[in-house]
Amino acid sequence: RFAISRDNAKNTLYLQMNRLKPEDTAVYYCNVLKGENYWGKGTLVT
């Protein structure tokens, strides 16, 4: 249902979410492990 992708030229990560279910409701966070884990503030999907 979901597809992750990236555009290195734009320094951007993507998550295409299809056929969404109520159980997918959550705050979604971007993450990178660079010595330690770094997180964004998240974006809410309802």
PDB file of all heavy atoms in Angstrom:
ATOM      1  N   ARG A   1       0.808  -1.215   0.000  1.00  0.00           N
ATOM      2  CA  ARG A   1       0.000   0.000   0.000  1.00  0.00           C
ATOM      3  C   ARG A   1       0.845   1.271   0.000  1.00  0.00           C
ATOM      4  O   ARG A   1       0.428   2.282  -0.560  1.00  0.00           O
ATOM      5  CB  ARG A   1      -0.931   0.024   1.216  1.00  0.00           C
ATOM      6  CG  ARG A   1      -1.913  -1.139   1.252  1.00  0.00           C
ATOM      7  CD  ARG A   1      -2.933  -0.956   2.370  1.00  0.00           C
ATOM      8  NE  ARG A   1      -2.300  -0.943   3.688  1.00  0.00           N
ATOM      9  CZ  ARG A   1      -2.343   0.090   4.532  1.00  0.00           C
ATOM     10  NH1 ARG A   1      -2.993   1.195   4.188  1.00  0.00           N
ATOM     11  NH2 ARG A   1      -1.757   0.008   5.718  1.00  0.00           N
ATOM     12  N   PHE A   2       1.994   1.224   0.658  1.00  0.00           N
ATOM     13  CA  PHE A   2       2.865   2.395   0.763  1.00  0.00           C
ATOM     14  C   PHE A   2       4.087   2.222  -0.120  1.00  0.00           C
ATOM     15  O   PHE A   2       4.536   1.097  -0.377  1.00  0.00           O
ATOM     16  CB  PHE A   2       3.346   2.591   2.203  1.00  0.00           C
ATOM     17  CG  PHE A   2       2.284   3.038   3.176  1.00  0.00           C
ATOM     18  CD1 PHE A   2       0.941   3.017   2.854  1.00  0.00           C
ATOM     19  CD2 PHE A   2       2.658   3.480   4.438  1.00  0.00           C
ATOM     20  CE1 PHE A   2      -0.027   3.424   3.761  1.00  0.00           C
ATOM     21  CE2 PHE A   2       1.705   3.891   5.350  1.00  0.00           C
ATOM     22  CZ  PHE A   2       0.366   3.865   5.015  1.00  0.00           C
ATOM     23  N   ALA A   3       4.654   3.339  -0.566  1.00  0.00           N
ATOM     24  CA  ALA A   3       5.869   3.319  -1.367  1.00  0.00           C
ATOM     25  C   ALA A   3       6.803   4.443  -0.926  1.00  0.00           C
ATOM     26  O   ALA A   3       6.430   5.617  -0.967  1.00  0.00           O
ATOM     27  CB  ALA A   3       5.540   3.457  -2.845  1.00  0.00           C
ATOM     28  N   ILE A   4       8.001   4.075  -0.494  1.00  0.00           N
ATOM     29  CA  ILE A   4       8.999   5.059  -0.096  1.00  0.00           C
ATOM     30  C   ILE A   4       9.895   5.365  -1.291  1.00  0.00           C
ATOM     31  O   ILE A   4      10.199   4.482  -2.096  1.00  0.00           O
ATOM     32  CB  ILE A   4       9.826   4.543   1.104  1.00  0.00           C
ATOM     33  CG1 ILE A   4      10.725   5.649   1.658  1.00  0.00           C
ATOM     34  CG2 ILE A   4      10.624   3.310   0.738  1.00  0.00           C
ATOM     35  CD1 ILE A   4      11.411   5.274   2.965  1.00  0.00           C
ATOM     36  N   SER A   5      10.301   6.616  -1.425  1.00  0.00           N
ATOM     37  CA  SER A   5      11.189   7.019  -2.503  1.00  0.00           C
ATOM     38  C   SER A   5      12.014   8.220  -2.048  1.00  0.00           C
ATOM     39  O   SER A   5      11.745   8.804  -0.993  1.00  0.00           O
ATOM     40  CB  SER A   5      10.407   7.343  -3.782  1.00  0.00           C
ATOM     41  OG  SER A   5       9.522   8.433  -3.574  1.00  0.00           O
ATOM     42  N   ARG A   6      13.010   8.574  -2.834  1.00  0.00           N
ATOM     43  CA  ARG A   6      13.836   9.733  -2.500  1.00  0.00           C
ATOM     44  C   ARG A   6      14.309  10.418  -3.760  1.00  0.00           C
ATOM     45  O   ARG A   6      14.465   9.793  -4.813  1.00  0.00           O
ATOM     46  CB  ARG A   6      15.035   9.311  -1.634  1.00  0.00           C
ATOM     47  CG  ARG A   6      16.045   8.422  -2.345  1.00  0.00           C
ATOM     48  CD  ARG A   6      17.038   7.819  -1.354  1.00  0.00           C
ATOM     49  NE  ARG A   6      17.848   8.838  -0.711  1.00  0.00           N
ATOM     50  CZ  ARG A   6      18.514   8.661   0.428  1.00  0.00           C
ATOM     51  NH1 ARG A   6      18.449   7.481   1.056  1.00  0.00           N
ATOM     52  NH2 ARG A   6      19.237   9.640   0.938  1.00  0.00           N
ATOM     53  N   ASP A   7      14.545  11.706  -3.650  1.00  0.00           N
ATOM     54  CA  ASP A   7      15.116  12.499  -4.725  1.00  0.00           C
ATOM     55  C   ASP A   7      16.366  13.151  -4.153  1.00  0.00           C
ATOM     56  O   ASP A   7      16.288  14.167  -3.467  1.00  0.00           O
ATOM     57  CB  ASP A   7      14.127  13.543  -5.227  1.00  0.00           C
ATOM     58  CG  ASP A   7      14.627  14.279  -6.462  1.00  0.00           C
ATOM     59  OD1 ASP A   7      15.849  14.334  -6.675  1.00  0.00           O
ATOM     60  OD2 ASP A   7      13.785  14.793  -7.220  1.00  0.00           O
ATOM     61  N   ASN A   8      17.516  12.546  -4.418  1.00  0.00           N
ATOM     62  CA  ASN A   8      18.757  13.042  -3.836  1.00  0.00           C
ATOM     63  C   ASN A   8      19.126  14.439  -4.330  1.00  0.00           C
ATOM     64  O   ASN A   8      19.780  15.202  -3.622  1.00  0.00           O
ATOM     65  CB  ASN A   8      19.904  12.062  -4.112  1.00  0.00           C
ATOM     66  CG  ASN A   8      19.805  10.804  -3.266  1.00  0.00           C
ATOM     67  OD1 ASN A   8      19.090  10.769  -2.264  1.00  0.00           O
ATOM     68  ND2 ASN A   8      20.521   9.767  -3.669  1.00  0.00           N
ATOM     69  N   ALA A   9      18.712  14.774  -5.543  1.00  0.00           N
ATOM     70  CA  ALA A   9      18.986  16.105  -6.075  1.00  0.00           C
ATOM     71  C   ALA A   9      18.226  17.182  -5.315  1.00  0.00           C
ATOM     72  O   ALA A   9      18.648  18.338  -5.263  1.00  0.00           O
ATOM     73  CB  ALA A   9      18.652  16.163  -7.556  1.00  0.00           C
ATOM     74  N   LYS A  10      17.083  16.810  -4.727  1.00  0.00           N
ATOM     75  CA  LYS A  10      16.257  17.752  -3.978  1.00  0.00           C
ATOM     76  C   LYS A  10      16.377  17.584  -2.468  1.00  0.00           C
ATOM     77  O   LYS A  10      15.707  18.294  -1.722  1.00  0.00           O
ATOM     78  CB  LYS A  10      14.790  17.604  -4.379  1.00  0.00           C
ATOM     79  CG  LYS A  10      14.492  17.969  -5.814  1.00  0.00           C
ATOM     80  CD  LYS A  10      13.008  17.843  -6.105  1.00  0.00           C
ATOM     81  CE  LYS A  10      12.686  18.266  -7.523  1.00  0.00           C
ATOM     82  NZ  LYS A  10      11.235  18.137  -7.822  1.00  0.00           N
ATOM     83  N   ASN A  11      17.213  16.646  -2.022  1.00  0.00           N
ATOM     84  CA  ASN A  11      17.354  16.347  -0.590  1.00  0.00           C
ATOM     85  C   ASN A  11      15.996  16.082   0.053  1.00  0.00           C
ATOM     86  O   ASN A  11      15.703  16.570   1.152  1.00  0.00           O
ATOM     87  CB  ASN A  11      18.057  17.492   0.140  1.00  0.00           C
ATOM     88  CG  ASN A  11      19.527  17.594  -0.183  1.00  0.00           C
ATOM     89  OD1 ASN A  11      20.092  16.755  -0.879  1.00  0.00           O
ATOM     90  ND2 ASN A  11      20.177  18.631   0.324  1.00  0.00           N
ATOM     91  N   THR A  12      15.185  15.296  -0.619  1.00  0.00           N
ATOM     92  CA  THR A  12      13.821  15.065  -0.159  1.00  0.00           C
ATOM     93  C   THR A  12      13.471  13.585  -0.148  1.00  0.00           C
ATOM     94  O   THR A  12      13.781  12.855  -1.095  1.00  0.00           O
ATOM     95  CB  THR A  12      12.814  15.824  -1.034  1.00  0.00           C
ATOM     96  OG1 THR A  12      13.129  17.224  -1.013  1.00  0.00           O
ATOM     97  CG2 THR A  12      11.399  15.640  -0.505  1.00  0.00           C
ATOM     98  N   LEU A  13      12.822  13.161   0.919  1.00  0.00           N
ATOM     99  CA  LEU A  13      12.306  11.811   1.100  1.00  0.00           C
ATOM    100  C   LEU A  13      10.793  11.853   0.950  1.00  0.00           C
ATOM    101  O   LEU A  13      10.156  12.816   1.388  1.00  0.00           O
ATOM    102  CB  LEU A  13      12.683  11.299   2.488  1.00  0.00           C
ATOM    103  CG  LEU A  13      12.150   9.932   2.914  1.00  0.00           C
ATOM    104  CD1 LEU A  13      12.859   8.830   2.138  1.00  0.00           C
ATOM    105  CD2 LEU A  13      12.328   9.746   4.418  1.00  0.00           C
ATOM    106  N   TYR A  14      10.209  10.802   0.365  1.00  0.00           N
ATOM    107  CA  TYR A  14       8.768  10.745   0.147  1.00  0.00           C
ATOM    108  C   TYR A  14       8.172   9.454   0.686  1.00  0.00           C
ATOM    109  O   TYR A  14       8.852   8.433   0.807  1.00  0.00           O
ATOM    110  CB  TYR A  14       8.437  10.819  -1.345  1.00  0.00           C
ATOM    111  CG  TYR A  14       8.965  12.043  -2.043  1.00  0.00           C
ATOM    112  CD1 TYR A  14      10.146  11.994  -2.775  1.00  0.00           C
ATOM    113  CD2 TYR A  14       8.276  13.253  -1.985  1.00  0.00           C
ATOM    114  CE1 TYR A  14      10.634  13.109  -3.426  1.00  0.00           C
ATOM    115  CE2 TYR A  14       8.759  14.377  -2.632  1.00  0.00           C
ATOM    116  CZ  TYR A  14       9.938  14.298  -3.351  1.00  0.00           C
ATOM    117  OH  TYR A  14      10.417  15.413  -3.995  1.00  0.00           O
ATOM    118  N   LEU A  15       6.880   9.512   0.984  1.00  0.00           N
ATOM    119  CA  LEU A  15       6.119   8.322   1.318  1.00  0.00           C
ATOM    120  C   LEU A  15       4.753   8.437   0.664  1.00  0.00           C
ATOM    121  O   LEU A  15       3.918   9.238   1.090  1.00  0.00           O
ATOM    122  CB  LEU A  15       5.963   8.152   2.831  1.00  0.00           C
ATOM    123  CG  LEU A  15       5.254   6.869   3.270  1.00  0.00           C
ATOM    124  CD1 LEU A  15       6.122   5.650   2.948  1.00  0.00           C
ATOM    125  CD2 LEU A  15       4.919   6.907   4.759  1.00  0.00           C
ATOM    126  N   GLN A  16       4.534   7.656  -0.387  1.00  0.00           N
ATOM    127  CA  GLN A  16       3.235   7.592  -1.039  1.00  0.00           C
ATOM    128  C   GLN A  16       2.386   6.568  -0.304  1.00  0.00           C
ATOM    129  O   GLN A  16       2.789   5.407  -0.172  1.00  0.00           O
ATOM    130  CB  GLN A  16       3.392   7.191  -2.505  1.00  0.00           C
ATOM    131  CG  GLN A  16       2.077   7.019  -3.255  1.00  0.00           C
ATOM    132  CD  GLN A  16       1.332   8.315  -3.420  1.00  0.00           C
ATOM    133  OE1 GLN A  16       1.893   9.308  -3.884  1.00  0.00           O
ATOM    134  NE2 GLN A  16       0.060   8.330  -3.038  1.00  0.00           N
ATOM    135  N   MET A  17       1.228   6.983   0.169  1.00  0.00           N
ATOM    136  CA  MET A  17       0.344   6.119   0.950  1.00  0.00           C
ATOM    137  C   MET A  17      -0.972   5.948   0.205  1.00  0.00           C
ATOM    138  O   MET A  17      -1.679   6.927  -0.045  1.00  0.00           O
ATOM    139  CB  MET A  17       0.098   6.714   2.336  1.00  0.00           C
ATOM    140  CG  MET A  17       1.377   7.016   3.110  1.00  0.00           C
ATOM    141  SD  MET A  17       1.050   7.589   4.795  1.00  0.00           S
ATOM    142  CE  MET A  17       0.202   9.137   4.426  1.00  0.00           C
ATOM    143  N   ASN A  18      -1.292   4.710  -0.140  1.00  0.00           N
ATOM    144  CA  ASN A  18      -2.509   4.387  -0.875  1.00  0.00           C
ATOM    145  C   ASN A  18      -3.393   3.451  -0.066  1.00  0.00           C
ATOM    146  O   ASN A  18      -2.925   2.771   0.843  1.00  0.00           O
ATOM    147  CB  ASN A  18      -2.170   3.734  -2.207  1.00  0.00           C
ATOM    148  CG  ASN A  18      -1.303   4.592  -3.090  1.00  0.00           C
ATOM    149  OD1 ASN A  18      -1.541   5.798  -3.222  1.00  0.00           O
ATOM    150  ND2 ASN A  18      -0.302   3.992  -3.716  1.00  0.00           N
ATOM    151  N   ARG A  19      -4.674   3.417  -0.435  1.00  0.00           N
ATOM    152  CA  ARG A  19      -5.650   2.546   0.234  1.00  0.00           C
ATOM    153  C   ARG A  19      -5.532   2.661   1.754  1.00  0.00           C
ATOM    154  O   ARG A  19      -5.437   1.667   2.468  1.00  0.00           O
ATOM    155  CB  ARG A  19      -5.467   1.100  -0.222  1.00  0.00           C
ATOM    156  CG  ARG A  19      -5.884   0.876  -1.671  1.00  0.00           C
ATOM    157  CD  ARG A  19      -5.637  -0.560  -2.096  1.00  0.00           C
ATOM    158  NE  ARG A  19      -4.229  -0.817  -2.355  1.00  0.00           N
ATOM    159  CZ  ARG A  19      -3.598  -1.936  -2.050  1.00  0.00           C
ATOM    160  NH1 ARG A  19      -4.248  -2.918  -1.439  1.00  0.00           N
ATOM    161  NH2 ARG A  19      -2.320  -2.066  -2.354  1.00  0.00           N
ATOM    162  N   LEU A  20      -5.573   3.884   2.212  1.00  0.00           N
ATOM    163  CA  LEU A  20      -5.387   4.159   3.628  1.00  0.00           C
ATOM    164  C   LEU A  20      -6.506   3.580   4.478  1.00  0.00           C
ATOM    165  O   LEU A  20      -7.664   3.542   4.060  1.00  0.00           O
ATOM    166  CB  LEU A  20      -5.271   5.660   3.857  1.00  0.00           C
ATOM    167  CG  LEU A  20      -3.919   6.249   3.458  1.00  0.00           C
ATOM    168  CD1 LEU A  20      -4.037   7.752   3.249  1.00  0.00           C
ATOM    169  CD2 LEU A  20      -2.876   5.937   4.518  1.00  0.00           C
ATOM    170  N   LYS A  21      -6.137   3.144   5.667  1.00  0.00           N
ATOM    171  CA  LYS A  21      -7.052   2.552   6.626  1.00  0.00           C
ATOM    172  C   LYS A  21      -7.083   3.391   7.898  1.00  0.00           C
ATOM    173  O   LYS A  21      -6.123   4.100   8.189  1.00  0.00           O
ATOM    174  CB  LYS A  21      -6.604   1.127   6.986  1.00  0.00           C
ATOM    175  CG  LYS A  21      -6.427   0.198   5.808  1.00  0.00           C
ATOM    176  CD  LYS A  21      -5.866  -1.140   6.274  1.00  0.00           C
ATOM    177  CE  LYS A  21      -5.661  -2.090   5.115  1.00  0.00           C
ATOM    178  NZ  LYS A  21      -5.096  -3.386   5.567  1.00  0.00           N
ATOM    179  N   PRO A  22      -8.159   3.311   8.671  1.00  0.00           N
ATOM    180  CA  PRO A  22      -8.186   4.037   9.945  1.00  0.00           C
ATOM    181  C   PRO A  22      -6.990   3.705  10.839  1.00  0.00           C
ATOM    182  O   PRO A  22      -6.518   4.573  11.573  1.00  0.00           O
ATOM    183  CB  PRO A  22      -9.501   3.573  10.581  1.00  0.00           C
ATOM    184  CG  PRO A  22     -10.382   3.282   9.408  1.00  0.00           C
ATOM    185  CD  PRO A  22      -9.459   2.677   8.388  1.00  0.00           C
ATOM    186  N   GLU A  23      -6.496   2.476  10.768  1.00  0.00           N
ATOM    187  CA  GLU A  23      -5.343   2.059  11.558  1.00  0.00           C
ATOM    188  C   GLU A  23      -4.056   2.779  11.163  1.00  0.00           C
ATOM    189  O   GLU A  23      -3.067   2.707  11.899  1.00  0.00           O
ATOM    190  CB  GLU A  23      -5.120   0.543  11.425  1.00  0.00           C
ATOM    191  CG  GLU A  23      -6.348  -0.291  11.746  1.00  0.00           C
ATOM    192  CD  GLU A  23      -7.155  -0.624  10.507  1.00  0.00           C
ATOM    193  OE1 GLU A  23      -7.972   0.226  10.088  1.00  0.00           O
ATOM    194  OE2 GLU A  23      -6.964  -1.729   9.957  1.00  0.00           O
ATOM    195  N   ASP A  24      -4.047   3.450  10.017  1.00  0.00           N
ATOM    196  CA  ASP A  24      -2.883   4.216   9.583  1.00  0.00           C
ATOM    197  C   ASP A  24      -2.815   5.594  10.235  1.00  0.00           C
ATOM    198  O   ASP A  24      -1.824   6.304  10.063  1.00  0.00           O
ATOM    199  CB  ASP A  24      -2.886   4.394   8.066  1.00  0.00           C
ATOM    200  CG  ASP A  24      -2.744   3.078   7.319  1.00  0.00           C
ATOM    201  OD1 ASP A  24      -1.940   2.229   7.754  1.00  0.00           O
ATOM    202  OD2 ASP A  24      -3.437   2.907   6.296  1.00  0.00           O
ATOM    203  N   THR A  25      -3.857   5.970  10.953  1.00  0.00           N
ATOM    204  CA  THR A  25      -3.877   7.263  11.626  1.00  0.00           C
ATOM    205  C   THR A  25      -2.720   7.358  12.611  1.00  0.00           C
ATOM    206  O   THR A  25      -2.587   6.526  13.511  1.00  0.00           O
ATOM    207  CB  THR A  25      -5.203   7.472  12.368  1.00  0.00           C
ATOM    208  OG1 THR A  25      -6.270   7.539  11.416  1.00  0.00           O
ATOM    209  CG2 THR A  25      -5.176   8.763  13.171  1.00  0.00           C
ATOM    210  N   ALA A  26      -1.876   8.361  12.433  1.00  0.00           N
ATOM    211  CA  ALA A  26      -0.685   8.513  13.269  1.00  0.00           C
ATOM    212  C   ALA A  26       0.047   9.786  12.880  1.00  0.00           C
ATOM    213  O   ALA A  26      -0.238  10.392  11.842  1.00  0.00           O
ATOM    214  CB  ALA A  26       0.250   7.310  13.093  1.00  0.00           C
ATOM    215  N   VAL A  27       0.998  10.164  13.719  1.00  0.00           N
ATOM    216  CA  VAL A  27       1.967  11.182  13.342  1.00  0.00           C
ATOM    217  C   VAL A  27       3.120  10.466  12.656  1.00  0.00           C
ATOM    218  O   VAL A  27       3.683   9.527  13.213  1.00  0.00           O
ATOM    219  CB  VAL A  27       2.472  11.974  14.555  1.00  0.00           C
ATOM    220  CG1 VAL A  27       3.543  12.972  14.136  1.00  0.00           C
ATOM    221  CG2 VAL A  27       1.313  12.704  15.220  1.00  0.00           C
ATOM    222  N   TYR A  28       3.449  10.896  11.461  1.00  0.00           N
ATOM    223  CA  TYR A  28       4.503  10.262  10.675  1.00  0.00           C
ATOM    224  C   TYR A  28       5.785  11.074  10.773  1.00  0.00           C
ATOM    225  O   TYR A  28       5.781  12.291  10.569  1.00  0.00           O
ATOM    226  CB  TYR A  28       4.062  10.123   9.216  1.00  0.00           C
ATOM    227  CG  TYR A  28       3.073   9.001   9.020  1.00  0.00           C
ATOM    228  CD1 TYR A  28       1.765   9.129   9.472  1.00  0.00           C
ATOM    229  CD2 TYR A  28       3.454   7.807   8.410  1.00  0.00           C
ATOM    230  CE1 TYR A  28       0.858   8.084   9.321  1.00  0.00           C
ATOM    231  CE2 TYR A  28       2.555   6.766   8.256  1.00  0.00           C
ATOM    232  CZ  TYR A  28       1.256   6.911   8.712  1.00  0.00           C
ATOM    233  OH  TYR A  28       0.363   5.879   8.562  1.00  0.00           O
ATOM    234  N   TYR A  29       6.888  10.376  11.070  1.00  0.00           N
ATOM    235  CA  TYR A  29       8.176  11.007  11.292  1.00  0.00           C
ATOM    236  C   TYR A  29       9.227  10.548  10.292  1.00  0.00           C
ATOM    237  O   TYR A  29       9.331   9.355   9.990  1.00  0.00           O
ATOM    238  CB  TYR A  29       8.703  10.682  12.688  1.00  0.00           C
ATOM    239  CG  TYR A  29       7.852  11.188  13.825  1.00  0.00           C
ATOM    240  CD1 TYR A  29       6.878  10.383  14.393  1.00  0.00           C
ATOM    241  CD2 TYR A  29       8.036  12.470  14.326  1.00  0.00           C
ATOM    242  CE1 TYR A  29       6.103  10.843  15.438  1.00  0.00           C
ATOM    243  CE2 TYR A  29       7.267  12.933  15.375  1.00  0.00           C
ATOM    244  CZ  TYR A  29       6.302  12.113  15.929  1.00  0.00           C
ATOM    245  OH  TYR A  29       5.536  12.572  16.973  1.00  0.00           O
ATOM    246  N   CYS A  30      10.018  11.471   9.833  1.00  0.00           N
ATOM    247  CA  CYS A  30      11.191  11.209   9.007  1.00  0.00           C
ATOM    248  C   CYS A  30      12.382  10.965   9.930  1.00  0.00           C
ATOM    249  O   CYS A  30      12.502  11.613  10.979  1.00  0.00           O
ATOM    250  CB  CYS A  30      11.430  12.424   8.111  1.00  0.00           C
ATOM    251  SG  CYS A  30      12.824  12.327   6.992  1.00  0.00           S
ATOM    252  N   ASN A  31      13.265  10.030   9.563  1.00  0.00           N
ATOM    253  CA  ASN A  31      14.373   9.657  10.428  1.00  0.00           C
ATOM    254  C   ASN A  31      15.645   9.389   9.645  1.00  0.00           C
ATOM    255  O   ASN A  31      15.607   8.829   8.549  1.00  0.00           O
ATOM    256  CB  ASN A  31      13.995   8.401  11.225  1.00  0.00           C
ATOM    257  CG  ASN A  31      15.184   7.694  11.838  1.00  0.00           C
ATOM    258  OD1 ASN A  31      15.681   6.712  11.290  1.00  0.00           O
ATOM    259  ND2 ASN A  31      15.638   8.189  12.979  1.00  0.00           N
ATOM    260  N   VAL A  32      16.783   9.784  10.226  1.00  0.00           N
ATOM    261  CA  VAL A  32      18.091   9.422   9.687  1.00  0.00           C
ATOM    262  C   VAL A  32      19.005   9.035  10.845  1.00  0.00           C
ATOM    263  O   VAL A  32      18.992   9.674  11.905  1.00  0.00           O
ATOM    264  CB  VAL A  32      18.712  10.571   8.859  1.00  0.00           C
ATOM    265  CG1 VAL A  32      18.936  11.818   9.703  1.00  0.00           C
ATOM    266  CG2 VAL A  32      20.018  10.115   8.210  1.00  0.00           C
ATOM    267  N   LEU A  33      19.772   7.961  10.656  1.00  0.00           N
ATOM    268  CA  LEU A  33      20.779   7.557  11.632  1.00  0.00           C
ATOM    269  C   LEU A  33      22.117   8.097  11.160  1.00  0.00           C
ATOM    270  O   LEU A  33      22.690   7.610  10.190  1.00  0.00           O
ATOM    271  CB  LEU A  33      20.826   6.041  11.775  1.00  0.00           C
ATOM    272  CG  LEU A  33      21.896   5.484  12.710  1.00  0.00           C
ATOM    273  CD1 LEU A  33      21.728   6.044  14.123  1.00  0.00           C
ATOM    274  CD2 LEU A  33      21.849   3.963  12.732  1.00  0.00           C
ATOM    275  N   LYS A  34      22.604   9.113  11.847  1.00  0.00           N
ATOM    276  CA  LYS A  34      23.878   9.743  11.534  1.00  0.00           C
ATOM    277  C   LYS A  34      24.636   9.879  12.844  1.00  0.00           C
ATOM    278  O   LYS A  34      24.693  10.954  13.443  1.00  0.00           O
ATOM    279  CB  LYS A  34      23.665  11.095  10.864  1.00  0.00           C
ATOM    280  CG  LYS A  34      24.944  11.788  10.429  1.00  0.00           C
ATOM    281  CD  LYS A  34      24.630  13.131   9.795  1.00  0.00           C
ATOM    282  CE  LYS A  34      25.892  13.861   9.361  1.00  0.00           C
ATOM    283  NZ  LYS A  34      26.707  14.252  10.537  1.00  0.00           N
ATOM    284  N   GLY A  35      25.202   8.763  13.300  1.00  0.00           N
ATOM    285  CA  GLY A  35      25.820   8.712  14.619  1.00  0.00           C
ATOM    286  C   GLY A  35      24.775   8.500  15.702  1.00  0.00           C
ATOM    287  O   GLY A  35      24.985   7.709  16.636  1.00  0.00           O
ATOM    288  N   GLU A  36      23.671   9.187  15.585  1.00  0.00           N
ATOM    289  CA  GLU A  36      22.527   9.036  16.457  1.00  0.00           C
ATOM    290  C   GLU A  36      21.279   9.268  15.613  1.00  0.00           C
ATOM    291  O   GLU A  36      21.371   9.753  14.489  1.00  0.00           O
ATOM    292  CB  GLU A  36      22.571  10.021  17.625  1.00  0.00           C
ATOM    293  CG  GLU A  36      22.549  11.479  17.201  1.00  0.00           C
ATOM    294  CD  GLU A  36      22.638  12.424  18.367  1.00  0.00           C
ATOM    295  OE1 GLU A  36      21.585  12.708  18.983  1.00  0.00           O
ATOM    296  OE2 GLU A  36      23.758  12.858  18.682  1.00  0.00           O
ATOM    297  N   ASN A  37      20.128   8.927  16.140  1.00  0.00           N
ATOM    298  CA  ASN A  37      18.881   9.119  15.415  1.00  0.00           C
ATOM    299  C   ASN A  37      18.431  10.573  15.461  1.00  0.00           C
ATOM    300  O   ASN A  37      18.400  11.190  16.525  1.00  0.00           O
ATOM    301  CB  ASN A  37      17.788   8.229  15.986  1.00  0.00           C
ATOM    302  CG  ASN A  37      17.870   6.812  15.476  1.00  0.00           C
ATOM    303  OD1 ASN A  37      17.873   6.583  14.271  1.00  0.00           O
ATOM    304  ND2 ASN A  37      17.931   5.853  16.395  1.00  0.00           N
ATOM    305  N   TYR A  38      18.087  11.099  14.287  1.00  0.00           N
ATOM    306  CA  TYR A  38      17.506  12.427  14.174  1.00  0.00           C
ATOM    307  C   TYR A  38      16.088  12.300  13.655  1.00  0.00           C
ATOM    308  O   TYR A  38      15.796  11.466  12.791  1.00  0.00           O
ATOM    309  CB  TYR A  38      18.326  13.310  13.235  1.00  0.00           C
ATOM    310  CG  TYR A  38      19.683  13.680  13.779  1.00  0.00           C
ATOM    311  CD1 TYR A  38      20.785  12.866  13.552  1.00  0.00           C
ATOM    312  CD2 TYR A  38      19.858  14.847  14.518  1.00  0.00           C
ATOM    313  CE1 TYR A  38      22.030  13.203  14.057  1.00  0.00           C
ATOM    314  CE2 TYR A  38      21.104  15.187  15.020  1.00  0.00           C
ATOM    315  CZ  TYR A  38      22.178  14.366  14.788  1.00  0.00           C
ATOM    316  OH  TYR A  38      23.417  14.702  15.285  1.00  0.00           O
ATOM    317  N   TRP A  39      15.207  13.156  14.170  1.00  0.00           N
ATOM    318  CA  TRP A  39      13.788  13.103  13.837  1.00  0.00           C
ATOM    319  C   TRP A  39      13.259  14.475  13.465  1.00  0.00           C
ATOM    320  O   TRP A  39      13.710  15.493  13.992  1.00  0.00           O
ATOM    321  CB  TRP A  39      12.968  12.593  15.026  1.00  0.00           C
ATOM    322  CG  TRP A  39      13.435  11.291  15.569  1.00  0.00           C
ATOM    323  CD1 TRP A  39      14.355  11.094  16.557  1.00  0.00           C
ATOM    324  CD2 TRP A  39      13.000   9.986  15.164  1.00  0.00           C
ATOM    325  NE1 TRP A  39      14.529   9.744  16.795  1.00  0.00           N
ATOM    326  CE2 TRP A  39      13.711   9.048  15.957  1.00  0.00           C
ATOM    327  CE3 TRP A  39      12.087   9.524  14.218  1.00  0.00           C
ATOM    328  CZ2 TRP A  39      13.523   7.673  15.830  1.00  0.00           C
ATOM    329  CZ3 TRP A  39      11.904   8.158  14.089  1.00  0.00           C
ATOM    330  CH2 TRP A  39      12.615   7.250  14.888  1.00  0.00           C
ATOM    331  N   GLY A  40      12.274  14.490  12.580  1.00  0.00           N
ATOM    332  CA  GLY A  40      11.528  15.701  12.342  1.00  0.00           C
ATOM    333  C   GLY A  40      10.460  15.859  13.404  1.00  0.00           C
ATOM    334  O   GLY A  40      10.333  15.037  14.315  1.00  0.00           O
ATOM    335  N   LYS A  41       9.671  16.912  13.300  1.00  0.00           N
ATOM    336  CA  LYS A  41       8.588  17.142  14.252  1.00  0.00           C
ATOM    337  C   LYS A  41       7.349  16.312  13.935  1.00  0.00           C
ATOM    338  O   LYS A  41       6.465  16.182  14.774  1.00  0.00           O
ATOM    339  CB  LYS A  41       8.223  18.626  14.286  1.00  0.00           C
ATOM    340  CG  LYS A  41       9.318  19.508  14.849  1.00  0.00           C
ATOM    341  CD  LYS A  41       8.888  20.963  14.891  1.00  0.00           C
ATOM    342  CE  LYS A  41       9.971  21.843  15.476  1.00  0.00           C
ATOM    343  NZ  LYS A  41       9.571  23.267  15.512  1.00  0.00           N
ATOM    344  N   GLY A  42       7.287  15.765  12.734  1.00  0.00           N
ATOM    345  CA  GLY A  42       6.194  14.895  12.347  1.00  0.00           C
ATOM    346  C   GLY A  42       5.083  15.627  11.614  1.00  0.00           C
ATOM    347  O   GLY A  42       4.936  16.842  11.714  1.00  0.00           O
ATOM    348  N   THR A  43       4.293  14.856  10.873  1.00  0.00           N
ATOM    349  CA  THR A  43       3.111  15.376  10.205  1.00  0.00           C
ATOM    350  C   THR A  43       1.953  14.416  10.477  1.00  0.00           C
ATOM    351  O   THR A  43       2.110  13.200  10.387  1.00  0.00           O
ATOM    352  CB  THR A  43       3.351  15.565   8.692  1.00  0.00           C
ATOM    353  OG1 THR A  43       2.214  16.186   8.090  1.00  0.00           O
ATOM    354  CG2 THR A  43       3.637  14.242   7.988  1.00  0.00           C
ATOM    355  N   LEU A  44       0.813  14.955  10.830  1.00  0.00           N
ATOM    356  CA  LEU A  44      -0.329  14.144  11.255  1.00  0.00           C
ATOM    357  C   LEU A  44      -1.152  13.667  10.068  1.00  0.00           C
ATOM    358  O   LEU A  44      -1.564  14.462   9.220  1.00  0.00           O
ATOM    359  CB  LEU A  44      -1.212  14.947  12.209  1.00  0.00           C
ATOM    360  CG  LEU A  44      -2.503  14.264  12.680  1.00  0.00           C
ATOM    361  CD1 LEU A  44      -2.181  13.010  13.482  1.00  0.00           C
ATOM    362  CD2 LEU A  44      -3.330  15.236  13.512  1.00  0.00           C
ATOM    363  N   VAL A  45      -1.412  12.363  10.047  1.00  0.00           N
ATOM    364  CA  VAL A  45      -2.295  11.746   9.063  1.00  0.00           C
ATOM    365  C   VAL A  45      -3.497  11.176   9.804  1.00  0.00           C
ATOM    366  O   VAL A  45      -3.341  10.350  10.698  1.00  0.00           O
ATOM    367  CB  VAL A  45      -1.580  10.624   8.280  1.00  0.00           C
ATOM    368  CG1 VAL A  45      -2.572   9.882   7.387  1.00  0.00           C
ATOM    369  CG2 VAL A  45      -0.441  11.198   7.458  1.00  0.00           C
ATOM    370  N   THR A  46      -4.682  11.632   9.438  1.00  0.00           N
ATOM    371  CA  THR A  46      -5.913  11.148  10.056  1.00  0.00           C
ATOM    372  C   THR A  46      -6.776  10.484   8.997  1.00  0.00           C
ATOM    373  O   THR A  46      -7.170  11.126   8.025  1.00  0.00           O
ATOM    374  CB  THR A  46      -6.691  12.293  10.714  1.00  0.00           C
ATOM    375  OG1 THR A  46      -5.871  12.934  11.696  1.00  0.00           O
ATOM    376  CG2 THR A  46      -7.949  11.757  11.392  1.00  0.00           C
TER     377      THR A  46
END
